[in-house]
Amino acid sequence: MKKNCLFSFVLVLVLCCFVNTNEANPLNLEAEKLIHQLNLFPQDAKSEFMEGLNYQAKNSTEQIVEKKFRFPNLIESSSSSSSVEDLGHHAGYYKIQHSHAARMFYFFFESRMNKNDPVVIWLTGGPGCSSELAVFYENGPFTIANNMSLMWNEFGWDKASNLLYVDQPTGTGFSYSSDERDLRQDEDGVSNDLYDFLQAFFAKHPQFQKNDFYITGESYAGHYIPAFASRVHKGNKNKEGIHINLKGFAIGNGLTNPAVQYKAYTDYALQNKLIEKSDYEDINQLLPQCERTIQLC
């Protein structure tokens, strides 16, 4: 049963990347079915982990409601210096300050090595991809074994940092709102929500306020990250709240200006002998239509 739940949980996260919530399609229906089975809807959450979290998030006057947890089916490594019980693994909801009814979901994994390690926030792109995908498939503490159990990730970033994964913007992954006015349409709205979240997070965890802070992410987060970093810098400069010790940001495979980047991809592929000259010419003929479609978005 636990293995099936874990598989379904991961499948839900994958589906969340491809579902357009404004359209009724098979992916919508399948995702909704799985979410119902896992009791992840805030209004009817009954699972042992999510029930208390969502109930508190709806009824608490606090900005952040957070619970410490451990994942089931986690195989502890004999080489790990700490047991799971010693580690600080947290999940929570943030009541977005400047919203009508929005709640932002996040995971927080304290460093396996040193609590003085930098605090690093990871933003997956999409737009609309849950950052939990990185928890299991990229730089998170865990990897998924063939038997659907969890194993420690030898290269997890939590070996060198205190890791935050946030589902953003509102409507992504397990972040939700009952009011469509909370759906963000630009980087300013996204970065303001993330900045407000950081203020609440560091108020909840004051022991990490002195740590260095880095913003990281991939793909469409190439739009989010510079705007978010600028917002943090502005907040620090204007002394708006808790000083965030921003030291830098990193963007992997960033999509920052597709109109420029897409034209360069074919040159890069041809020069590195990844495609033939005929492929290069065919792809370049398709680029104008891609550019027009981008403008429509």
C-alpha atoms as a PDB file:
ATOM      1  CA  MET A   1       0.000   0.000   0.000  1.00  0.00           C
ATOM      2  CA  LYS A   2       2.795   2.432   0.902  1.00  0.00           C
ATOM      3  CA  LYS A   3       4.549   1.700  -2.384  1.00  0.00           C
ATOM      4  CA  ASN A   4       1.366   2.410  -4.331  1.00  0.00           C
ATOM      5  CA  CYS A   5       0.846   5.659  -2.411  1.00  0.00           C
ATOM      6  CA  LEU A   6       4.397   6.796  -3.151  1.00  0.00           C
ATOM      7  CA  PHE A   7       4.004   5.978  -6.842  1.00  0.00           C
ATOM      8  CA  SER A   8       0.687   7.819  -6.971  1.00  0.00           C
ATOM      9  CA  PHE A   9       2.192  10.809  -5.131  1.00  0.00           C
ATOM     10  CA  VAL A  10       5.000  11.110  -7.667  1.00  0.00           C
ATOM     11  CA  LEU A  11       2.548  10.648 -10.554  1.00  0.00           C
ATOM     12  CA  VAL A  12       0.390  13.450  -9.186  1.00  0.00           C
ATOM     13  CA  LEU A  13       3.431  15.740  -9.135  1.00  0.00           C
ATOM     14  CA  VAL A  14       4.217  14.857 -12.745  1.00  0.00           C
ATOM     15  CA  LEU A  15       0.635  15.442 -13.818  1.00  0.00           C
ATOM     16  CA  CYS A  16       0.626  18.802 -12.065  1.00  0.00           C
ATOM     17  CA  CYS A  17       3.208  19.992 -14.606  1.00  0.00           C
ATOM     18  CA  PHE A  18       0.960  19.309 -17.572  1.00  0.00           C
ATOM     19  CA  VAL A  19      -2.543  20.041 -16.327  1.00  0.00           C
ATOM     20  CA  ASN A  20      -4.273  23.249 -17.393  1.00  0.00           C
ATOM     21  CA  THR A  21      -6.743  23.864 -14.579  1.00  0.00           C
ATOM     22  CA  ASN A  22      -9.062  25.842 -16.856  1.00  0.00           C
ATOM     23  CA  GLU A  23      -9.806  22.896 -19.160  1.00  0.00           C
ATOM     24  CA  ALA A  24     -11.513  19.562 -18.576  1.00  0.00           C
ATOM     25  CA  ASN A  25      -9.296  16.908 -20.162  1.00  0.00           C
ATOM     26  CA  PRO A  26      -8.239  13.335 -19.344  1.00  0.00           C
ATOM     27  CA  LEU A  27      -5.125  14.535 -17.509  1.00  0.00           C
ATOM     28  CA  ASN A  28      -7.252  16.824 -15.342  1.00  0.00           C
ATOM     29  CA  LEU A  29      -9.587  13.980 -14.484  1.00  0.00           C
ATOM     30  CA  GLU A  30      -6.747  11.558 -13.751  1.00  0.00           C
ATOM     31  CA  ALA A  31      -4.927  14.074 -11.561  1.00  0.00           C
ATOM     32  CA  GLU A  32      -8.131  14.904  -9.690  1.00  0.00           C
ATOM     33  CA  LYS A  33      -8.841  11.197  -9.173  1.00  0.00           C
ATOM     34  CA  LEU A  34      -5.365  10.600  -7.731  1.00  0.00           C
ATOM     35  CA  ILE A  35      -5.533  13.676  -5.508  1.00  0.00           C
ATOM     36  CA  HIS A  36      -8.892  12.492  -4.156  1.00  0.00           C
ATOM     37  CA  GLN A  37      -7.458   9.010  -3.533  1.00  0.00           C
ATOM     38  CA  LEU A  38      -4.542  10.505  -1.613  1.00  0.00           C
ATOM     39  CA  ASN A  39      -6.840  12.937   0.254  1.00  0.00           C
ATOM     40  CA  LEU A  40      -4.739  15.910  -0.815  1.00  0.00           C
ATOM     41  CA  PHE A  41      -7.608  18.327  -1.406  1.00  0.00           C
ATOM     42  CA  PRO A  42      -7.546  20.831   1.483  1.00  0.00           C
ATOM     43  CA  GLN A  43     -11.302  20.642   2.014  1.00  0.00           C
ATOM     44  CA  ASP A  44     -11.408  16.874   2.507  1.00  0.00           C
ATOM     45  CA  ALA A  45      -7.877  15.970   3.612  1.00  0.00           C
ATOM     46  CA  LYS A  46      -7.952  12.898   5.849  1.00  0.00           C
ATOM     47  CA  SER A  47      -4.509  11.349   5.442  1.00  0.00           C
ATOM     48  CA  GLU A  48      -2.355  11.119   8.546  1.00  0.00           C
ATOM     49  CA  PHE A  49       0.126  13.685   7.255  1.00  0.00           C
ATOM     50  CA  MET A  50      -1.993  16.102   5.245  1.00  0.00           C
ATOM     51  CA  GLU A  51      -5.082  16.215   7.462  1.00  0.00           C
ATOM     52  CA  GLY A  52      -3.563  18.188  10.314  1.00  0.00           C
ATOM     53  CA  LEU A  53      -1.501  20.346   7.989  1.00  0.00           C
ATOM     54  CA  ASN A  54      -4.413  21.492   5.847  1.00  0.00           C
ATOM     55  CA  TYR A  55      -6.804  21.864   8.795  1.00  0.00           C
ATOM     56  CA  GLN A  56      -4.321  24.065  10.610  1.00  0.00           C
ATOM     57  CA  ALA A  57      -3.585  26.053   7.448  1.00  0.00           C
ATOM     58  CA  LYS A  58      -7.264  26.894   7.007  1.00  0.00           C
ATOM     59  CA  ASN A  59      -7.977  27.683  10.631  1.00  0.00           C
ATOM     60  CA  SER A  60      -4.746  29.132  11.985  1.00  0.00           C
ATOM     61  CA  THR A  61      -4.167  32.847  12.325  1.00  0.00           C
ATOM     62  CA  GLU A  62      -0.441  32.240  11.829  1.00  0.00           C
ATOM     63  CA  GLN A  63       1.096  32.940   8.442  1.00  0.00           C
ATOM     64  CA  ILE A  64       2.897  29.589   8.377  1.00  0.00           C
ATOM     65  CA  VAL A  65       1.627  26.201   9.480  1.00  0.00           C
ATOM     66  CA  GLU A  66       4.372  23.578   9.436  1.00  0.00           C
ATOM     67  CA  LYS A  67       4.823  19.953  10.470  1.00  0.00           C
ATOM     68  CA  LYS A  68       7.915  17.828  10.884  1.00  0.00           C
ATOM     69  CA  PHE A  69       7.707  14.469   9.107  1.00  0.00           C
ATOM     70  CA  ARG A  70       9.525  11.474   7.718  1.00  0.00           C
ATOM     71  CA  PHE A  71       8.769   9.835   4.401  1.00  0.00           C
ATOM     72  CA  PRO A  72       7.630   6.185   4.501  1.00  0.00           C
ATOM     73  CA  ASN A  73       9.727   3.439   2.894  1.00  0.00           C
ATOM     74  CA  LEU A  74      12.984   5.354   3.323  1.00  0.00           C
ATOM     75  CA  ILE A  75      15.999   3.049   3.375  1.00  0.00           C
ATOM     76  CA  GLU A  76      18.549   4.481   5.778  1.00  0.00           C
ATOM     77  CA  SER A  77      22.127   4.393   4.571  1.00  0.00           C
ATOM     78  CA  SER A  78      24.786   2.952   6.846  1.00  0.00           C
ATOM     79  CA  SER A  79      27.125   5.692   5.621  1.00  0.00           C
ATOM     80  CA  SER A  80      24.791   8.492   6.702  1.00  0.00           C
ATOM     81  CA  SER A  81      26.093  10.376   9.727  1.00  0.00           C
ATOM     82  CA  SER A  82      22.562  11.095  10.972  1.00  0.00           C
ATOM     83  CA  SER A  83      19.439   8.993  11.293  1.00  0.00           C
ATOM     84  CA  VAL A  84      16.169  10.210   9.798  1.00  0.00           C
ATOM     85  CA  GLU A  85      14.893  11.064  13.264  1.00  0.00           C
ATOM     86  CA  ASP A  86      17.821  13.446  13.786  1.00  0.00           C
ATOM     87  CA  LEU A  87      17.145  15.379  10.595  1.00  0.00           C
ATOM     88  CA  GLY A  88      14.800  18.317  10.256  1.00  0.00           C
ATOM     89  CA  HIS A  89      12.377  17.510   7.451  1.00  0.00           C
ATOM     90  CA  HIS A  90       9.434  19.902   7.347  1.00  0.00           C
ATOM     91  CA  ALA A  91       6.388  20.564   5.176  1.00  0.00           C
ATOM     92  CA  GLY A  92       4.096  23.514   5.472  1.00  0.00           C
ATOM     93  CA  TYR A  93       1.622  25.970   4.068  1.00  0.00           C
ATOM     94  CA  TYR A  94       2.179  29.713   3.947  1.00  0.00           C
ATOM     95  CA  LYS A  95      -0.875  31.961   3.978  1.00  0.00           C
ATOM     96  CA  ILE A  96       0.129  34.391   1.231  1.00  0.00           C
ATOM     97  CA  GLN A  97      -0.029  37.839   2.744  1.00  0.00           C
ATOM     98  CA  HIS A  98      -1.298  39.876  -0.198  1.00  0.00           C
ATOM     99  CA  SER A  99      -3.904  37.438  -1.463  1.00  0.00           C
ATOM    100  CA  HIS A 100      -7.581  36.649  -1.067  1.00  0.00           C
ATOM    101  CA  ALA A 101      -7.324  32.967  -0.123  1.00  0.00           C
ATOM    102  CA  ALA A 102      -3.987  31.620  -1.376  1.00  0.00           C
ATOM    103  CA  ARG A 103      -1.826  29.029   0.389  1.00  0.00           C
ATOM    104  CA  MET A 104       1.734  28.245  -0.715  1.00  0.00           C
ATOM    105  CA  PHE A 105       3.055  24.712  -0.108  1.00  0.00           C
ATOM    106  CA  TYR A 106       6.722  24.010   0.616  1.00  0.00           C
ATOM    107  CA  PHE A 107       9.185  21.378   1.783  1.00  0.00           C
ATOM    108  CA  PHE A 108      12.150  22.321   3.965  1.00  0.00           C
ATOM    109  CA  PHE A 109      15.052  19.909   4.451  1.00  0.00           C
ATOM    110  CA  GLU A 110      17.681  20.943   6.961  1.00  0.00           C
ATOM    111  CA  SER A 111      21.266  20.177   6.013  1.00  0.00           C
ATOM    112  CA  ARG A 112      22.451  16.645   6.680  1.00  0.00           C
ATOM    113  CA  MET A 113      25.875  18.014   7.600  1.00  0.00           C
ATOM    114  CA  ASN A 114      25.787  21.451   9.204  1.00  0.00           C
ATOM    115  CA  LYS A 115      22.877  23.718  10.110  1.00  0.00           C
ATOM    116  CA  ASN A 116      25.155  26.691   9.356  1.00  0.00           C
ATOM    117  CA  ASP A 117      25.214  25.722   5.677  1.00  0.00           C
ATOM    118  CA  PRO A 118      23.548  28.205   3.301  1.00  0.00           C
ATOM    119  CA  VAL A 119      19.787  28.276   2.914  1.00  0.00           C
ATOM    120  CA  VAL A 120      18.989  27.485  -0.724  1.00  0.00           C
ATOM    121  CA  ILE A 121      15.573  27.865  -2.323  1.00  0.00           C
ATOM    122  CA  TRP A 122      14.847  25.827  -5.460  1.00  0.00           C
ATOM    123  CA  LEU A 123      12.285  26.911  -8.062  1.00  0.00           C
ATOM    124  CA  THR A 124      11.272  24.552 -10.862  1.00  0.00           C
ATOM    125  CA  GLY A 125      10.104  26.143 -14.102  1.00  0.00           C
ATOM    126  CA  GLY A 126       7.288  25.159 -16.394  1.00  0.00           C
ATOM    127  CA  PRO A 127       5.700  27.545 -15.785  1.00  0.00           C
ATOM    128  CA  GLY A 128       3.557  25.513 -13.439  1.00  0.00           C
ATOM    129  CA  CYS A 129       5.854  22.608 -12.554  1.00  0.00           C
ATOM    130  CA  SER A 130       5.893  21.500  -8.941  1.00  0.00           C
ATOM    131  CA  SER A 131       9.276  21.916  -7.266  1.00  0.00           C
ATOM    132  CA  GLU A 132       8.758  18.532  -5.612  1.00  0.00           C
ATOM    133  CA  LEU A 133       9.854  16.939  -8.880  1.00  0.00           C
ATOM    134  CA  ALA A 134      13.389  17.991  -7.960  1.00  0.00           C
ATOM    135  CA  VAL A 135      13.020  16.397  -4.515  1.00  0.00           C
ATOM    136  CA  PHE A 136      12.808  12.915  -6.053  1.00  0.00           C
ATOM    137  CA  TYR A 137      14.409  13.229  -9.483  1.00  0.00           C
ATOM    138  CA  GLU A 138      17.079  15.914  -9.322  1.00  0.00           C
ATOM    139  CA  ASN A 139      18.857  17.511  -6.367  1.00  0.00           C
ATOM    140  CA  GLY A 140      16.656  16.532  -3.432  1.00  0.00           C
ATOM    141  CA  PRO A 141      17.552  14.321  -0.475  1.00  0.00           C
ATOM    142  CA  PHE A 142      16.001  11.208  -2.039  1.00  0.00           C
ATOM    143  CA  THR A 143      15.954   9.010  -5.102  1.00  0.00           C
ATOM    144  CA  ILE A 144      13.283   6.453  -5.951  1.00  0.00           C
ATOM    145  CA  ALA A 145      14.502   2.860  -6.134  1.00  0.00           C
ATOM    146  CA  ASN A 146      13.137   0.264  -8.553  1.00  0.00           C
ATOM    147  CA  ASN A 147      11.011  -1.250  -5.777  1.00  0.00           C
ATOM    148  CA  MET A 148       9.419   2.191  -5.161  1.00  0.00           C
ATOM    149  CA  SER A 149      11.205   2.704  -1.851  1.00  0.00           C
ATOM    150  CA  LEU A 150      13.152   5.892  -1.160  1.00  0.00           C
ATOM    151  CA  MET A 151      16.926   5.991  -0.913  1.00  0.00           C
ATOM    152  CA  TRP A 152      19.264   8.782   0.108  1.00  0.00           C
ATOM    153  CA  ASN A 153      20.564  10.780  -2.832  1.00  0.00           C
ATOM    154  CA  GLU A 154      24.353  10.684  -2.704  1.00  0.00           C
ATOM    155  CA  PHE A 155      24.427  14.012  -4.537  1.00  0.00           C
ATOM    156  CA  GLY A 156      21.528  15.697  -2.746  1.00  0.00           C
ATOM    157  CA  TRP A 157      22.039  19.389  -2.167  1.00  0.00           C
ATOM    158  CA  ASP A 158      20.959  18.929   1.429  1.00  0.00           C
ATOM    159  CA  LYS A 159      24.469  17.567   2.017  1.00  0.00           C
ATOM    160  CA  ALA A 160      25.748  21.130   1.606  1.00  0.00           C
ATOM    161  CA  SER A 161      22.732  23.379   2.234  1.00  0.00           C
ATOM    162  CA  ASN A 162      19.408  23.808   3.996  1.00  0.00           C
ATOM    163  CA  LEU A 163      16.976  23.241   1.132  1.00  0.00           C
ATOM    164  CA  LEU A 164      13.627  24.889   0.431  1.00  0.00           C
ATOM    165  CA  TYR A 165      11.317  23.631  -2.320  1.00  0.00           C
ATOM    166  CA  VAL A 166       8.298  25.825  -3.058  1.00  0.00           C
ATOM    167  CA  ASP A 167       5.263  25.145  -5.235  1.00  0.00           C
ATOM    168  CA  GLN A 168       4.792  28.454  -7.022  1.00  0.00           C
ATOM    169  CA  PRO A 169       3.073  30.421  -8.419  1.00  0.00           C
ATOM    170  CA  THR A 170      -0.330  29.820  -6.818  1.00  0.00           C
ATOM    171  CA  GLY A 171      -2.085  26.933  -8.543  1.00  0.00           C
ATOM    172  CA  THR A 172       1.118  24.927  -8.988  1.00  0.00           C
ATOM    173  CA  GLY A 173       1.456  21.534  -7.289  1.00  0.00           C
ATOM    174  CA  PHE A 174      -0.093  21.642  -3.819  1.00  0.00           C
ATOM    175  CA  SER A 175      -0.282  25.461  -3.655  1.00  0.00           C
ATOM    176  CA  TYR A 176      -3.878  26.512  -4.040  1.00  0.00           C
ATOM    177  CA  SER A 177      -6.509  29.209  -3.772  1.00  0.00           C
ATOM    178  CA  SER A 178     -10.284  29.262  -3.960  1.00  0.00           C
ATOM    179  CA  ASP A 179     -10.143  32.696  -5.596  1.00  0.00           C
ATOM    180  CA  GLU A 180      -8.932  33.076  -9.191  1.00  0.00           C
ATOM    181  CA  ARG A 181      -7.768  36.597  -8.438  1.00  0.00           C
ATOM    182  CA  ASP A 182      -4.813  35.017  -6.621  1.00  0.00           C
ATOM    183  CA  LEU A 183      -3.375  33.597  -9.863  1.00  0.00           C
ATOM    184  CA  ARG A 184      -0.265  35.621 -10.693  1.00  0.00           C
ATOM    185  CA  GLN A 185       0.217  36.954 -14.206  1.00  0.00           C
ATOM    186  CA  ASP A 186       3.720  38.425 -14.037  1.00  0.00           C
ATOM    187  CA  GLU A 187       7.110  38.179 -12.334  1.00  0.00           C
ATOM    188  CA  ASP A 188       6.316  41.061  -9.992  1.00  0.00           C
ATOM    189  CA  GLY A 189       3.403  39.180  -8.451  1.00  0.00           C
ATOM    190  CA  VAL A 190       5.415  35.963  -8.209  1.00  0.00           C
ATOM    191  CA  SER A 191       8.464  37.630  -6.637  1.00  0.00           C
ATOM    192  CA  ASN A 192       6.361  39.588  -4.132  1.00  0.00           C
ATOM    193  CA  ASP A 193       4.696  36.372  -2.949  1.00  0.00           C
ATOM    194  CA  LEU A 194       8.064  34.627  -2.622  1.00  0.00           C
ATOM    195  CA  TYR A 195       9.573  37.554  -0.740  1.00  0.00           C
ATOM    196  CA  ASP A 196       6.641  37.587   1.690  1.00  0.00           C
ATOM    197  CA  PHE A 197       7.060  33.821   2.111  1.00  0.00           C
ATOM    198  CA  LEU A 198      10.747  34.248   2.996  1.00  0.00           C
ATOM    199  CA  GLN A 199       9.880  36.845   5.607  1.00  0.00           C
ATOM    200  CA  ALA A 200       7.435  34.435   7.242  1.00  0.00           C
ATOM    201  CA  PHE A 201       9.820  31.484   6.874  1.00  0.00           C
ATOM    202  CA  PHE A 202      12.750  33.219   8.569  1.00  0.00           C
ATOM    203  CA  ALA A 203      10.436  34.476  11.308  1.00  0.00           C
ATOM    204  CA  LYS A 204       9.429  30.831  11.846  1.00  0.00           C
ATOM    205  CA  HIS A 205      13.073  29.665  11.752  1.00  0.00           C
ATOM    206  CA  PRO A 206      15.125  32.542  13.241  1.00  0.00           C
ATOM    207  CA  GLN A 207      18.166  30.288  13.682  1.00  0.00           C
ATOM    208  CA  PHE A 208      18.672  30.391   9.891  1.00  0.00           C
ATOM    209  CA  GLN A 209      18.475  34.173   9.488  1.00  0.00           C
ATOM    210  CA  LYS A 210      22.256  34.552   9.745  1.00  0.00           C
ATOM    211  CA  ASN A 211      22.958  31.914   7.083  1.00  0.00           C
ATOM    212  CA  ASP A 212      23.947  32.812   3.543  1.00  0.00           C
ATOM    213  CA  PHE A 213      21.012  32.618   1.137  1.00  0.00           C
ATOM    214  CA  TYR A 214      20.946  31.546  -2.522  1.00  0.00           C
ATOM    215  CA  ILE A 215      18.140  31.431  -5.090  1.00  0.00           C
ATOM    216  CA  THR A 216      18.350  28.556  -7.581  1.00  0.00           C
ATOM    217  CA  GLY A 217      16.190  26.929 -10.215  1.00  0.00           C
ATOM    218  CA  GLU A 218      15.860  25.768 -13.787  1.00  0.00           C
ATOM    219  CA  SER A 219      14.091  26.336 -17.081  1.00  0.00           C
ATOM    220  CA  TYR A 220      11.283  28.923 -16.839  1.00  0.00           C
ATOM    221  CA  ALA A 221      12.623  29.855 -13.414  1.00  0.00           C
ATOM    222  CA  GLY A 222      15.049  31.865 -15.534  1.00  0.00           C
ATOM    223  CA  HIS A 223      12.215  34.414 -15.488  1.00  0.00           C
ATOM    224  CA  TYR A 224      11.414  34.071 -11.786  1.00  0.00           C
ATOM    225  CA  ILE A 225      14.902  34.074 -10.292  1.00  0.00           C
ATOM    226  CA  PRO A 226      16.270  37.470 -11.420  1.00  0.00           C
ATOM    227  CA  ALA A 227      12.989  39.164 -10.455  1.00  0.00           C
ATOM    228  CA  PHE A 228      12.990  37.376  -7.090  1.00  0.00           C
ATOM    229  CA  ALA A 229      16.627  38.304  -6.405  1.00  0.00           C
ATOM    230  CA  SER A 230      15.857  41.921  -7.279  1.00  0.00           C
ATOM    231  CA  ARG A 231      12.886  41.869  -4.896  1.00  0.00           C
ATOM    232  CA  VAL A 232      15.041  40.527  -2.049  1.00  0.00           C
ATOM    233  CA  HIS A 233      17.689  43.182  -2.724  1.00  0.00           C
ATOM    234  CA  LYS A 234      15.016  45.895  -2.732  1.00  0.00           C
ATOM    235  CA  GLY A 235      13.572  44.616   0.549  1.00  0.00           C
ATOM    236  CA  ASN A 236      16.995  44.602   2.189  1.00  0.00           C
ATOM    237  CA  LYS A 237      17.830  48.076   0.904  1.00  0.00           C
ATOM    238  CA  ASN A 238      14.532  49.528   2.133  1.00  0.00           C
ATOM    239  CA  LYS A 239      14.721  47.623   5.447  1.00  0.00           C
ATOM    240  CA  GLU A 240      11.242  46.200   4.821  1.00  0.00           C
ATOM    241  CA  GLY A 241      11.618  43.324   7.258  1.00  0.00           C
ATOM    242  CA  ILE A 242      14.072  40.602   8.211  1.00  0.00           C
ATOM    243  CA  HIS A 243      17.370  41.104   6.392  1.00  0.00           C
ATOM    244  CA  ILE A 244      17.897  38.201   3.983  1.00  0.00           C
ATOM    245  CA  ASN A 245      21.582  37.399   3.550  1.00  0.00           C
ATOM    246  CA  LEU A 246      21.401  37.049  -0.239  1.00  0.00           C
ATOM    247  CA  LYS A 247      24.750  35.966  -1.691  1.00  0.00           C
ATOM    248  CA  GLY A 248      23.833  34.974  -5.231  1.00  0.00           C
ATOM    249  CA  PHE A 249      21.609  33.011  -7.561  1.00  0.00           C
ATOM    250  CA  ALA A 250      22.024  30.204 -10.088  1.00  0.00           C
ATOM    251  CA  ILE A 251      19.927  29.362 -13.135  1.00  0.00           C
ATOM    252  CA  GLY A 252      20.212  25.964 -14.814  1.00  0.00           C
ATOM    253  CA  ASN A 253      19.198  25.665 -18.471  1.00  0.00           C
ATOM    254  CA  GLY A 254      17.309  28.902 -18.019  1.00  0.00           C
ATOM    255  CA  LEU A 255      14.579  30.076 -20.353  1.00  0.00           C
ATOM    256  CA  THR A 256      14.968  33.826 -20.124  1.00  0.00           C
ATOM    257  CA  ASN A 257      14.401  35.081 -23.676  1.00  0.00           C
ATOM    258  CA  PRO A 258      13.151  32.320 -25.996  1.00  0.00           C
ATOM    259  CA  ALA A 259      13.023  34.624 -29.030  1.00  0.00           C
ATOM    260  CA  VAL A 260      16.806  34.946 -28.753  1.00  0.00           C
ATOM    261  CA  GLN A 261      17.626  31.508 -27.346  1.00  0.00           C
ATOM    262  CA  TYR A 262      15.663  29.406 -29.842  1.00  0.00           C
ATOM    263  CA  LYS A 263      17.548  30.946 -32.766  1.00  0.00           C
ATOM    264  CA  ALA A 264      20.854  30.082 -31.107  1.00  0.00           C
ATOM    265  CA  TYR A 265      19.917  26.441 -30.428  1.00  0.00           C
ATOM    266  CA  THR A 266      20.152  25.434 -34.080  1.00  0.00           C
ATOM    267  CA  ASP A 267      23.563  27.089 -34.474  1.00  0.00           C
ATOM    268  CA  TYR A 268      24.787  25.331 -31.341  1.00  0.00           C
ATOM    269  CA  ALA A 269      23.429  21.949 -32.451  1.00  0.00           C
ATOM    270  CA  LEU A 270      24.970  22.231 -35.922  1.00  0.00           C
ATOM    271  CA  GLN A 271      28.365  23.394 -34.662  1.00  0.00           C
ATOM    272  CA  ASN A 272      28.499  20.481 -32.217  1.00  0.00           C
ATOM    273  CA  LYS A 273      27.470  17.987 -34.923  1.00  0.00           C
ATOM    274  CA  LEU A 274      24.221  17.112 -33.147  1.00  0.00           C
ATOM    275  CA  ILE A 275      22.190  17.693 -36.324  1.00  0.00           C
ATOM    276  CA  GLU A 276      22.840  17.682 -40.066  1.00  0.00           C
ATOM    277  CA  LYS A 277      22.783  20.748 -42.302  1.00  0.00           C
ATOM    278  CA  SER A 278      19.407  19.670 -43.712  1.00  0.00           C
ATOM    279  CA  ASP A 279      17.981  19.419 -40.169  1.00  0.00           C
ATOM    280  CA  TYR A 280      19.361  22.873 -39.414  1.00  0.00           C
ATOM    281  CA  GLU A 281      17.582  24.376 -42.413  1.00  0.00           C
ATOM    282  CA  ASP A 282      14.299  22.574 -41.690  1.00  0.00           C
ATOM    283  CA  ILE A 283      14.242  23.678 -38.047  1.00  0.00           C
ATOM    284  CA  ASN A 284      15.054  27.275 -38.920  1.00  0.00           C
ATOM    285  CA  GLN A 285      12.020  27.342 -41.211  1.00  0.00           C
ATOM    286  CA  LEU A 286       9.839  26.479 -38.209  1.00  0.00           C
ATOM    287  CA  LEU A 287      11.258  29.191 -35.954  1.00  0.00           C
ATOM    288  CA  PRO A 288       9.063  32.082 -37.203  1.00  0.00           C
ATOM    289  CA  GLN A 289       5.931  30.143 -36.235  1.00  0.00           C
ATOM    290  CA  CYS A 290       7.480  29.420 -32.821  1.00  0.00           C
ATOM    291  CA  GLU A 291       8.154  33.130 -32.346  1.00  0.00           C
ATOM    292  CA  ARG A 292       4.564  34.036 -33.232  1.00  0.00           C
ATOM    293  CA  THR A 293       3.257  31.434 -30.790  1.00  0.00           C
ATOM    294  CA  ILE A 294       5.513  32.784 -28.041  1.00  0.00           C
ATOM    295  CA  GLN A 295       4.084  36.259 -28.575  1.00  0.00           C
ATOM    296  CA  LEU A 296       0.556  34.867 -28.137  1.00  0.00           C
ATOM    297  CA  CYS A 297       1.559  33.498 -24.735  1.00  0.00           C
END
